[in-house]
């Protein structure tokens, strides 16, 4: 058993924000054992599986496209 896992078992994980997918969905990684979590659809933290990573990537792409489109719409409407 790794020492970092023992540390996390005794004292708890030390999660750091590693990625903001949207305003509500974020990804976290434990700085000791590198365990990864993400925000679920209910707002709770859940393990970041490969499937959830794919979902987060798609969600991030949709969110970024929508944000850019809304900014362009705002700019074009303020010109006229």
C-alpha atoms as a PDB file:
ATOM      1  CA  UNK A   1       0.000   0.000   0.000  1.00  0.00           C
ATOM      2  CA  UNK A   2       1.371   3.406  -0.936  1.00  0.00           C
ATOM      3  CA  UNK A   3       2.165   5.931   1.777  1.00  0.00           C
ATOM      4  CA  UNK A   4       0.013   8.572   0.058  1.00  0.00           C
ATOM      5  CA  UNK A   5      -3.018   6.257   0.151  1.00  0.00           C
ATOM      6  CA  UNK A   6      -2.452   5.645   3.857  1.00  0.00           C
ATOM      7  CA  UNK A   7      -2.219   9.409   4.408  1.00  0.00           C
ATOM      8  CA  UNK A   8      -5.507   9.974   2.576  1.00  0.00           C
ATOM      9  CA  UNK A   9      -7.158   7.114   4.486  1.00  0.00           C
ATOM     10  CA  UNK A  10      -6.086   8.630   7.811  1.00  0.00           C
ATOM     11  CA  UNK A  11      -6.492  12.366   7.189  1.00  0.00           C
ATOM     12  CA  UNK A  12      -8.770  12.560   4.160  1.00  0.00           C
ATOM     13  CA  UNK A  13      -8.113  13.694   0.633  1.00  0.00           C
ATOM     14  CA  UNK A  14      -6.683  17.096  -0.246  1.00  0.00           C
ATOM     15  CA  UNK A  15      -8.688  17.943  -3.376  1.00  0.00           C
ATOM     16  CA  UNK A  16      -7.597  20.796  -5.622  1.00  0.00           C
ATOM     17  CA  UNK A  17      -9.622  22.270  -8.476  1.00  0.00           C
ATOM     18  CA  UNK A  18      -8.008  21.105 -11.711  1.00  0.00           C
ATOM     19  CA  UNK A  19     -10.554  22.116 -14.358  1.00  0.00           C
ATOM     20  CA  UNK A  20     -13.667  24.255 -14.699  1.00  0.00           C
ATOM     21  CA  UNK A  21     -15.926  22.577 -17.237  1.00  0.00           C
ATOM     22  CA  UNK A  22     -18.810  25.062 -16.751  1.00  0.00           C
ATOM     23  CA  UNK A  23     -19.910  27.353 -13.919  1.00  0.00           C
ATOM     24  CA  UNK A  24     -21.460  24.369 -12.164  1.00  0.00           C
ATOM     25  CA  UNK A  25     -19.325  21.412 -13.262  1.00  0.00           C
ATOM     26  CA  UNK A  26     -15.729  21.167 -12.091  1.00  0.00           C
ATOM     27  CA  UNK A  27     -13.043  18.508 -11.838  1.00  0.00           C
ATOM     28  CA  UNK A  28     -10.880  17.958  -8.770  1.00  0.00           C
ATOM     29  CA  UNK A  29      -7.719  15.920  -8.087  1.00  0.00           C
ATOM     30  CA  UNK A  30      -6.287  14.862  -4.728  1.00  0.00           C
ATOM     31  CA  UNK A  31      -2.799  16.330  -4.445  1.00  0.00           C
ATOM     32  CA  UNK A  32      -1.599  13.261  -2.511  1.00  0.00           C
ATOM     33  CA  UNK A  33      -3.023  10.141  -4.181  1.00  0.00           C
ATOM     34  CA  UNK A  34      -4.181  11.720  -7.504  1.00  0.00           C
ATOM     35  CA  UNK A  35      -7.779  10.456  -7.113  1.00  0.00           C
ATOM     36  CA  UNK A  36     -10.053  12.438  -9.445  1.00  0.00           C
ATOM     37  CA  UNK A  37     -13.598  13.614  -8.815  1.00  0.00           C
ATOM     38  CA  UNK A  38     -16.136  15.630 -10.755  1.00  0.00           C
ATOM     39  CA  UNK A  39     -19.443  17.280 -10.029  1.00  0.00           C
ATOM     40  CA  UNK A  40     -22.384  15.015 -10.849  1.00  0.00           C
ATOM     41  CA  UNK A  41     -25.714  16.090 -12.308  1.00  0.00           C
ATOM     42  CA  UNK A  42     -27.082  16.329  -8.756  1.00  0.00           C
ATOM     43  CA  UNK A  43     -24.266  18.643  -7.669  1.00  0.00           C
ATOM     44  CA  UNK A  44     -22.441  16.049  -5.576  1.00  0.00           C
ATOM     45  CA  UNK A  45     -18.857  14.909  -6.068  1.00  0.00           C
ATOM     46  CA  UNK A  46     -18.437  11.580  -7.827  1.00  0.00           C
ATOM     47  CA  UNK A  47     -15.472   9.614  -9.155  1.00  0.00           C
ATOM     48  CA  UNK A  48     -14.197  10.817 -12.519  1.00  0.00           C
ATOM     49  CA  UNK A  49     -14.517   7.757 -14.733  1.00  0.00           C
ATOM     50  CA  UNK A  50     -13.633   7.593 -18.412  1.00  0.00           C
ATOM     51  CA  UNK A  51     -17.324   7.944 -19.302  1.00  0.00           C
ATOM     52  CA  UNK A  52     -17.702  11.036 -17.111  1.00  0.00           C
ATOM     53  CA  UNK A  53     -14.563  12.519 -18.696  1.00  0.00           C
ATOM     54  CA  UNK A  54     -16.170  12.101 -22.127  1.00  0.00           C
ATOM     55  CA  UNK A  55     -19.365  13.713 -20.849  1.00  0.00           C
ATOM     56  CA  UNK A  56     -17.410  16.621 -19.364  1.00  0.00           C
ATOM     57  CA  UNK A  57     -15.506  17.155 -22.630  1.00  0.00           C
ATOM     58  CA  UNK A  58     -18.749  17.265 -24.620  1.00  0.00           C
ATOM     59  CA  UNK A  59     -20.366  19.534 -22.046  1.00  0.00           C
ATOM     60  CA  UNK A  60     -17.356  21.861 -22.092  1.00  0.00           C
ATOM     61  CA  UNK A  61     -17.430  22.044 -25.914  1.00  0.00           C
ATOM     62  CA  UNK A  62     -21.163  22.846 -25.943  1.00  0.00           C
ATOM     63  CA  UNK A  63     -20.767  25.406 -23.153  1.00  0.00           C
ATOM     64  CA  UNK A  64     -17.844  27.161 -24.878  1.00  0.00           C
ATOM     65  CA  UNK A  65     -19.651  27.256 -28.254  1.00  0.00           C
ATOM     66  CA  UNK A  66     -22.755  28.696 -26.617  1.00  0.00           C
ATOM     67  CA  UNK A  67     -20.741  31.308 -24.726  1.00  0.00           C
ATOM     68  CA  UNK A  68     -18.959  32.444 -27.907  1.00  0.00           C
ATOM     69  CA  UNK A  69     -22.259  32.585 -29.818  1.00  0.00           C
ATOM     70  CA  UNK A  70     -23.896  34.669 -27.071  1.00  0.00           C
ATOM     71  CA  UNK A  71     -20.934  37.070 -26.968  1.00  0.00           C
ATOM     72  CA  UNK A  72     -21.053  37.515 -30.739  1.00  0.00           C
ATOM     73  CA  UNK A  73     -24.791  38.133 -30.577  1.00  0.00           C
ATOM     74  CA  UNK A  74     -24.290  40.703 -27.822  1.00  0.00           C
ATOM     75  CA  UNK A  75     -21.568  42.496 -29.791  1.00  0.00           C
ATOM     76  CA  UNK A  76     -23.574  42.554 -33.016  1.00  0.00           C
ATOM     77  CA  UNK A  77     -26.691  43.846 -31.245  1.00  0.00           C
ATOM     78  CA  UNK A  78     -24.750  46.636 -29.511  1.00  0.00           C
ATOM     79  CA  UNK A  79     -23.387  47.888 -32.869  1.00  0.00           C
ATOM     80  CA  UNK A  80     -26.858  48.648 -34.219  1.00  0.00           C
END
